[in-house]
N, C-alpha and C. Protein backbone atom coordinates (compact mmCIF):
# COMPACT_ATOMS: atom_id res chain seq x y z
N MET A 1 -18.33 -0.85 2.97
CA MET A 1 -17.10 -1.19 2.30
C MET A 1 -15.93 -1.12 3.30
N ALA A 2 -14.73 -1.02 2.79
CA ALA A 2 -13.53 -1.15 3.62
C ALA A 2 -12.94 0.19 4.02
N LYS A 3 -12.21 0.17 5.14
CA LYS A 3 -11.39 1.30 5.55
C LYS A 3 -10.00 1.09 4.94
N ILE A 4 -9.56 2.05 4.12
CA ILE A 4 -8.28 1.92 3.44
C ILE A 4 -7.38 3.08 3.83
N LEU A 5 -6.17 2.74 4.24
CA LEU A 5 -5.15 3.73 4.58
C LEU A 5 -4.20 3.86 3.40
N ILE A 6 -4.09 5.07 2.87
CA ILE A 6 -3.16 5.36 1.77
C ILE A 6 -1.94 6.03 2.37
N ILE A 7 -0.75 5.49 2.10
CA ILE A 7 0.49 6.08 2.59
C ILE A 7 1.32 6.43 1.35
N ASP A 8 1.26 7.72 0.98
CA ASP A 8 1.92 8.18 -0.23
C ASP A 8 2.12 9.69 -0.11
N ASP A 9 3.28 10.17 -0.52
CA ASP A 9 3.59 11.60 -0.40
C ASP A 9 3.23 12.41 -1.65
N ASP A 10 2.73 11.77 -2.69
CA ASP A 10 2.38 12.46 -3.93
C ASP A 10 0.90 12.87 -3.89
N PRO A 11 0.62 14.17 -3.73
CA PRO A 11 -0.78 14.61 -3.61
C PRO A 11 -1.64 14.26 -4.82
N ASP A 12 -1.06 14.22 -6.02
CA ASP A 12 -1.83 13.87 -7.20
C ASP A 12 -2.27 12.40 -7.16
N ILE A 13 -1.36 11.54 -6.75
CA ILE A 13 -1.69 10.11 -6.61
C ILE A 13 -2.75 9.93 -5.54
N VAL A 14 -2.55 10.59 -4.40
CA VAL A 14 -3.51 10.48 -3.30
C VAL A 14 -4.89 10.96 -3.74
N ASP A 15 -4.95 12.10 -4.43
CA ASP A 15 -6.24 12.61 -4.90
C ASP A 15 -6.93 11.62 -5.83
N SER A 16 -6.18 11.05 -6.76
CA SER A 16 -6.80 10.10 -7.69
C SER A 16 -7.25 8.83 -6.98
N LEU A 17 -6.45 8.35 -6.02
CA LEU A 17 -6.86 7.16 -5.26
C LEU A 17 -8.11 7.44 -4.43
N GLU A 18 -8.15 8.63 -3.81
CA GLU A 18 -9.33 8.99 -3.01
C GLU A 18 -10.58 9.04 -3.89
N LEU A 19 -10.46 9.60 -5.08
CA LEU A 19 -11.61 9.65 -6.00
C LEU A 19 -12.09 8.26 -6.39
N ILE A 20 -11.14 7.43 -6.80
CA ILE A 20 -11.48 6.07 -7.24
C ILE A 20 -12.08 5.25 -6.10
N LEU A 21 -11.39 5.25 -4.97
CA LEU A 21 -11.82 4.40 -3.85
C LEU A 21 -13.08 4.95 -3.18
N GLY A 22 -13.14 6.27 -3.03
CA GLY A 22 -14.32 6.89 -2.43
C GLY A 22 -15.57 6.66 -3.26
N ALA A 23 -15.43 6.74 -4.59
CA ALA A 23 -16.57 6.51 -5.49
C ALA A 23 -17.06 5.07 -5.42
N ASN A 24 -16.22 4.20 -4.90
CA ASN A 24 -16.60 2.79 -4.77
C ASN A 24 -16.95 2.42 -3.33
N GLY A 25 -17.20 3.44 -2.51
CA GLY A 25 -17.73 3.22 -1.17
C GLY A 25 -16.72 2.98 -0.08
N HIS A 26 -15.45 3.10 -0.37
CA HIS A 26 -14.43 2.87 0.65
C HIS A 26 -14.22 4.12 1.49
N GLU A 27 -13.91 3.91 2.76
CA GLU A 27 -13.56 5.00 3.67
C GLU A 27 -12.04 5.16 3.62
N ILE A 28 -11.57 6.37 3.35
CA ILE A 28 -10.15 6.61 3.10
C ILE A 28 -9.53 7.46 4.19
N SER A 29 -8.32 7.08 4.62
CA SER A 29 -7.48 7.96 5.43
C SER A 29 -6.12 8.00 4.74
N VAL A 30 -5.38 9.09 4.99
CA VAL A 30 -4.14 9.32 4.26
C VAL A 30 -3.02 9.72 5.20
N ARG A 31 -1.82 9.23 4.89
CA ARG A 31 -0.58 9.66 5.54
C ARG A 31 0.41 9.98 4.43
N ALA A 32 1.17 11.05 4.61
CA ALA A 32 2.14 11.45 3.60
C ALA A 32 3.55 10.98 3.94
N ASP A 33 3.70 10.29 5.08
CA ASP A 33 5.02 9.80 5.47
C ASP A 33 4.85 8.52 6.29
N THR A 34 5.97 7.91 6.64
CA THR A 34 5.92 6.65 7.40
C THR A 34 6.31 6.85 8.86
N GLU A 35 6.43 8.10 9.28
CA GLU A 35 6.80 8.40 10.65
C GLU A 35 5.71 7.93 11.61
N LYS A 36 6.11 7.24 12.68
CA LYS A 36 5.18 6.72 13.69
C LYS A 36 4.04 5.93 13.06
N LEU A 37 4.36 5.20 12.02
CA LEU A 37 3.35 4.49 11.25
C LEU A 37 2.63 3.41 12.05
N ILE A 38 3.38 2.64 12.82
CA ILE A 38 2.76 1.54 13.57
C ILE A 38 1.68 2.08 14.50
N GLU A 39 1.98 3.14 15.23
CA GLU A 39 1.01 3.73 16.14
C GLU A 39 -0.22 4.22 15.37
N HIS A 40 0.02 4.84 14.23
CA HIS A 40 -1.10 5.34 13.42
C HIS A 40 -1.97 4.19 12.91
N VAL A 41 -1.36 3.15 12.43
CA VAL A 41 -2.12 2.00 11.91
C VAL A 41 -2.91 1.35 13.03
N GLU A 42 -2.32 1.22 14.20
CA GLU A 42 -3.05 0.63 15.32
C GLU A 42 -4.29 1.46 15.67
N ARG A 43 -4.16 2.79 15.64
CA ARG A 43 -5.30 3.66 15.94
C ARG A 43 -6.34 3.64 14.82
N ALA A 44 -5.89 3.71 13.58
CA ALA A 44 -6.80 3.80 12.44
C ALA A 44 -7.51 2.48 12.15
N ALA A 45 -6.86 1.37 12.45
CA ALA A 45 -7.40 0.03 12.22
C ALA A 45 -7.98 -0.14 10.80
N PRO A 46 -7.15 0.08 9.78
CA PRO A 46 -7.66 -0.07 8.40
C PRO A 46 -7.84 -1.54 8.05
N ASP A 47 -8.66 -1.77 7.04
CA ASP A 47 -8.84 -3.12 6.51
C ASP A 47 -7.76 -3.44 5.48
N LEU A 48 -7.16 -2.38 4.90
CA LEU A 48 -6.16 -2.54 3.84
C LEU A 48 -5.27 -1.30 3.84
N ILE A 49 -4.00 -1.50 3.51
CA ILE A 49 -3.04 -0.40 3.41
C ILE A 49 -2.50 -0.36 1.99
N ILE A 50 -2.53 0.84 1.38
CA ILE A 50 -1.88 1.07 0.09
C ILE A 50 -0.63 1.88 0.40
N LEU A 51 0.53 1.33 0.05
CA LEU A 51 1.82 1.88 0.47
C LEU A 51 2.72 2.17 -0.72
N ASP A 52 3.26 3.38 -0.75
CA ASP A 52 4.25 3.75 -1.75
C ASP A 52 5.62 3.26 -1.27
N ILE A 53 6.60 3.20 -2.15
CA ILE A 53 7.96 2.80 -1.76
C ILE A 53 8.82 4.00 -1.42
N MET A 54 8.87 4.97 -2.32
CA MET A 54 9.82 6.08 -2.18
C MET A 54 9.18 7.29 -1.51
N PHE A 55 9.88 7.81 -0.49
CA PHE A 55 9.47 9.03 0.21
C PHE A 55 10.68 9.96 0.26
N PRO A 56 10.45 11.27 0.35
CA PRO A 56 11.57 12.22 0.35
C PRO A 56 12.61 11.94 1.44
N GLU A 57 12.14 11.53 2.60
CA GLU A 57 13.08 11.30 3.70
C GLU A 57 13.89 10.02 3.54
N ASP A 58 13.40 9.08 2.72
CA ASP A 58 14.08 7.81 2.55
C ASP A 58 13.51 7.11 1.31
N PRO A 59 14.34 6.90 0.28
CA PRO A 59 13.82 6.26 -0.93
C PRO A 59 13.37 4.82 -0.75
N GLN A 60 13.68 4.22 0.39
CA GLN A 60 13.25 2.85 0.67
C GLN A 60 12.29 2.78 1.86
N ALA A 61 11.70 3.89 2.23
CA ALA A 61 10.83 3.95 3.41
C ALA A 61 9.67 2.98 3.32
N GLY A 62 9.14 2.77 2.13
CA GLY A 62 8.03 1.84 1.97
C GLY A 62 8.41 0.41 2.31
N PHE A 63 9.60 0.00 1.90
CA PHE A 63 10.07 -1.35 2.25
C PHE A 63 10.24 -1.48 3.77
N THR A 64 10.85 -0.47 4.37
CA THR A 64 11.05 -0.48 5.82
C THR A 64 9.70 -0.54 6.52
N ALA A 65 8.75 0.27 6.07
CA ALA A 65 7.42 0.29 6.67
C ALA A 65 6.74 -1.08 6.53
N ALA A 66 6.83 -1.69 5.36
CA ALA A 66 6.21 -3.00 5.15
C ALA A 66 6.80 -4.04 6.11
N ARG A 67 8.10 -3.98 6.30
CA ARG A 67 8.75 -4.93 7.22
C ARG A 67 8.30 -4.69 8.66
N GLU A 68 8.19 -3.42 9.06
CA GLU A 68 7.73 -3.10 10.41
C GLU A 68 6.29 -3.53 10.62
N LEU A 69 5.44 -3.32 9.64
CA LEU A 69 4.05 -3.75 9.74
C LEU A 69 3.98 -5.27 9.89
N GLN A 70 4.80 -5.98 9.13
CA GLN A 70 4.81 -7.43 9.18
C GLN A 70 5.30 -7.95 10.53
N LYS A 71 6.22 -7.24 11.18
CA LYS A 71 6.77 -7.66 12.47
C LYS A 71 5.83 -7.39 13.64
N THR A 72 4.84 -6.52 13.45
CA THR A 72 3.97 -6.10 14.54
C THR A 72 2.75 -7.00 14.59
N GLU A 73 2.72 -7.85 15.58
CA GLU A 73 1.70 -8.90 15.66
C GLU A 73 0.27 -8.37 15.57
N LYS A 74 -0.01 -7.29 16.23
CA LYS A 74 -1.37 -6.75 16.30
C LYS A 74 -1.90 -6.34 14.93
N ILE A 75 -1.01 -5.98 14.00
CA ILE A 75 -1.47 -5.47 12.70
C ILE A 75 -0.92 -6.24 11.50
N ARG A 76 -0.18 -7.29 11.74
CA ARG A 76 0.47 -8.00 10.62
C ARG A 76 -0.50 -8.64 9.64
N ASP A 77 -1.74 -8.83 10.04
CA ASP A 77 -2.71 -9.47 9.15
C ASP A 77 -3.43 -8.49 8.24
N ILE A 78 -3.14 -7.19 8.38
CA ILE A 78 -3.75 -6.21 7.48
C ILE A 78 -3.05 -6.32 6.13
N PRO A 79 -3.79 -6.58 5.06
CA PRO A 79 -3.14 -6.70 3.75
C PRO A 79 -2.50 -5.38 3.32
N VAL A 80 -1.31 -5.48 2.73
CA VAL A 80 -0.59 -4.32 2.23
C VAL A 80 -0.42 -4.46 0.73
N LEU A 81 -0.86 -3.43 0.01
CA LEU A 81 -0.70 -3.36 -1.43
C LEU A 81 0.36 -2.30 -1.70
N LEU A 82 1.47 -2.72 -2.24
CA LEU A 82 2.55 -1.79 -2.59
C LEU A 82 2.23 -1.20 -3.95
N LEU A 83 2.14 0.13 -4.01
CA LEU A 83 1.81 0.84 -5.24
C LEU A 83 2.95 1.80 -5.53
N SER A 84 3.69 1.55 -6.60
CA SER A 84 4.87 2.37 -6.84
C SER A 84 5.22 2.49 -8.31
N ALA A 85 5.88 3.58 -8.64
CA ALA A 85 6.39 3.79 -9.99
C ALA A 85 7.78 3.16 -10.15
N VAL A 86 8.36 2.66 -9.07
CA VAL A 86 9.65 1.97 -9.15
C VAL A 86 9.32 0.54 -9.58
N ASN A 87 9.39 0.32 -10.88
CA ASN A 87 8.98 -0.98 -11.41
C ASN A 87 9.76 -1.33 -12.66
N GLN A 88 9.36 -2.35 -13.29
CA GLN A 88 10.07 -2.83 -14.48
C GLN A 88 10.04 -1.83 -15.64
N ARG A 89 9.04 -0.94 -15.68
CA ARG A 89 8.92 0.02 -16.77
C ARG A 89 9.56 1.37 -16.45
N SER A 90 10.07 1.55 -15.25
CA SER A 90 10.64 2.84 -14.87
C SER A 90 11.98 3.05 -15.58
N ASN A 91 12.44 4.29 -15.55
CA ASN A 91 13.72 4.62 -16.17
C ASN A 91 14.89 4.41 -15.21
N MET A 92 14.64 3.82 -14.09
CA MET A 92 15.69 3.59 -13.12
C MET A 92 16.46 2.32 -13.49
N SER A 93 17.61 2.17 -12.90
CA SER A 93 18.44 1.01 -13.22
C SER A 93 17.97 -0.25 -12.50
N PHE A 94 16.92 -0.12 -11.72
CA PHE A 94 16.37 -1.27 -11.01
C PHE A 94 14.85 -1.17 -11.07
N GLY A 95 14.17 -2.23 -10.70
CA GLY A 95 12.71 -2.23 -10.67
C GLY A 95 12.22 -3.37 -9.81
N PHE A 96 10.93 -3.37 -9.57
CA PHE A 96 10.31 -4.40 -8.74
C PHE A 96 9.07 -4.92 -9.43
N SER A 97 8.70 -6.12 -9.07
CA SER A 97 7.49 -6.72 -9.60
C SER A 97 6.92 -7.66 -8.54
N THR A 98 5.82 -8.30 -8.86
CA THR A 98 5.22 -9.24 -7.92
C THR A 98 6.17 -10.40 -7.61
N ALA A 99 7.11 -10.66 -8.48
CA ALA A 99 8.09 -11.73 -8.24
C ALA A 99 9.00 -11.43 -7.05
N ASP A 100 9.07 -10.15 -6.65
CA ASP A 100 9.93 -9.76 -5.54
C ASP A 100 9.25 -9.85 -4.18
N ILE A 101 7.97 -10.19 -4.15
CA ILE A 101 7.26 -10.32 -2.88
C ILE A 101 7.85 -11.48 -2.10
N SER A 102 8.29 -11.19 -0.88
CA SER A 102 8.85 -12.23 0.00
C SER A 102 8.77 -11.73 1.43
N ASP A 103 8.83 -12.65 2.38
CA ASP A 103 8.77 -12.28 3.79
C ASP A 103 9.92 -11.38 4.20
N ASP A 104 11.10 -11.57 3.61
CA ASP A 104 12.27 -10.80 4.00
C ASP A 104 12.40 -9.48 3.26
N PHE A 105 12.25 -9.50 1.95
CA PHE A 105 12.53 -8.31 1.14
C PHE A 105 11.32 -7.40 0.99
N MET A 106 10.21 -7.96 0.54
CA MET A 106 9.02 -7.17 0.24
C MET A 106 7.79 -7.88 0.81
N PRO A 107 7.59 -7.77 2.15
CA PRO A 107 6.52 -8.52 2.81
C PRO A 107 5.14 -7.86 2.64
N VAL A 108 4.62 -7.94 1.44
CA VAL A 108 3.31 -7.38 1.12
C VAL A 108 2.49 -8.45 0.42
N GLU A 109 1.20 -8.19 0.31
CA GLU A 109 0.33 -9.17 -0.35
C GLU A 109 0.25 -8.95 -1.86
N ALA A 110 0.51 -7.70 -2.31
CA ALA A 110 0.41 -7.42 -3.74
C ALA A 110 1.27 -6.22 -4.10
N PHE A 111 1.68 -6.19 -5.37
CA PHE A 111 2.44 -5.07 -5.92
C PHE A 111 1.73 -4.62 -7.19
N VAL A 112 1.46 -3.31 -7.28
CA VAL A 112 0.83 -2.75 -8.46
C VAL A 112 1.66 -1.56 -8.92
N GLU A 113 1.89 -1.47 -10.21
CA GLU A 113 2.69 -0.39 -10.79
C GLU A 113 1.85 0.87 -11.00
N LYS A 114 2.47 2.03 -10.72
CA LYS A 114 1.88 3.32 -11.08
C LYS A 114 2.32 3.62 -12.51
N PRO A 115 1.51 4.20 -13.31
CA PRO A 115 0.09 4.47 -13.06
C PRO A 115 -0.72 3.18 -13.19
N VAL A 116 -1.81 3.12 -12.45
CA VAL A 116 -2.64 1.93 -12.46
C VAL A 116 -4.03 2.30 -12.97
N GLU A 117 -4.57 1.41 -13.75
CA GLU A 117 -5.94 1.61 -14.22
C GLU A 117 -6.88 1.39 -13.05
N PRO A 118 -7.89 2.25 -12.89
CA PRO A 118 -8.81 2.12 -11.76
C PRO A 118 -9.43 0.72 -11.64
N SER A 119 -9.82 0.13 -12.75
CA SER A 119 -10.45 -1.20 -12.69
C SER A 119 -9.48 -2.25 -12.16
N LYS A 120 -8.21 -2.15 -12.55
CA LYS A 120 -7.21 -3.11 -12.08
C LYS A 120 -6.96 -2.92 -10.58
N LEU A 121 -6.88 -1.67 -10.14
CA LEU A 121 -6.68 -1.39 -8.73
C LEU A 121 -7.85 -1.92 -7.90
N LEU A 122 -9.06 -1.62 -8.34
CA LEU A 122 -10.25 -2.07 -7.60
C LEU A 122 -10.35 -3.60 -7.56
N ALA A 123 -9.99 -4.25 -8.64
CA ALA A 123 -10.01 -5.71 -8.67
C ALA A 123 -8.99 -6.28 -7.69
N GLN A 124 -7.80 -5.67 -7.64
CA GLN A 124 -6.76 -6.14 -6.71
C GLN A 124 -7.21 -5.93 -5.27
N ILE A 125 -7.81 -4.79 -4.98
CA ILE A 125 -8.30 -4.51 -3.62
C ILE A 125 -9.40 -5.49 -3.25
N ASP A 126 -10.33 -5.73 -4.15
CA ASP A 126 -11.40 -6.71 -3.88
C ASP A 126 -10.82 -8.08 -3.59
N GLN A 127 -9.81 -8.47 -4.35
CA GLN A 127 -9.19 -9.78 -4.13
C GLN A 127 -8.54 -9.83 -2.75
N LEU A 128 -7.80 -8.78 -2.38
CA LEU A 128 -7.12 -8.77 -1.09
C LEU A 128 -8.12 -8.75 0.08
N LEU A 129 -9.16 -7.96 -0.06
CA LEU A 129 -10.15 -7.89 1.01
C LEU A 129 -10.96 -9.17 1.11
N GLY A 130 -11.22 -9.78 -0.03
CA GLY A 130 -11.94 -11.05 -0.03
C GLY A 130 -11.14 -12.14 0.63
N SER A 131 -9.82 -12.18 0.34
CA SER A 131 -8.99 -13.23 0.91
C SER A 131 -8.72 -12.98 2.38
N SER A 132 -8.74 -11.71 2.84
CA SER A 132 -8.47 -11.44 4.24
C SER A 132 -9.73 -11.56 5.08
N ALA A 133 -10.91 -11.51 4.44
CA ALA A 133 -12.16 -11.58 5.19
C ALA A 133 -12.37 -12.95 5.83
N GLY A 134 -11.84 -13.98 5.22
CA GLY A 134 -12.02 -15.33 5.76
C GLY A 134 -11.00 -15.73 6.80
N ASP A 135 -9.97 -14.89 7.03
CA ASP A 135 -8.91 -15.25 7.98
C ASP A 135 -9.37 -15.14 9.41
């Protein structure tokens, strides 16, 4: 199966993702922050990245990380799935959806809202890995 890098500071989310993905044969690595992310991604060489948006050090760190990943030629083809509770159903005054995916604002291949049903997450990952396998 695939090597998946999870970048999320919430240990409960990370634990649940590791259970779901590990039970489906994926190899998992985890980062709790976006510091020195490019270097880490180059070393880890994941097949897919699951990225949160909000981190304690910066509520928009996930967007910044996605843009940096997209700008880095060596790793720009790794699919990024943005997984966040900042969405249309949140209690915040703003939200995001798949309609916000763009090269400038949200350069990712997919956006999934937390909480996510395991079957929906696995289907999205299969779709992203299937579409990236032929590139």
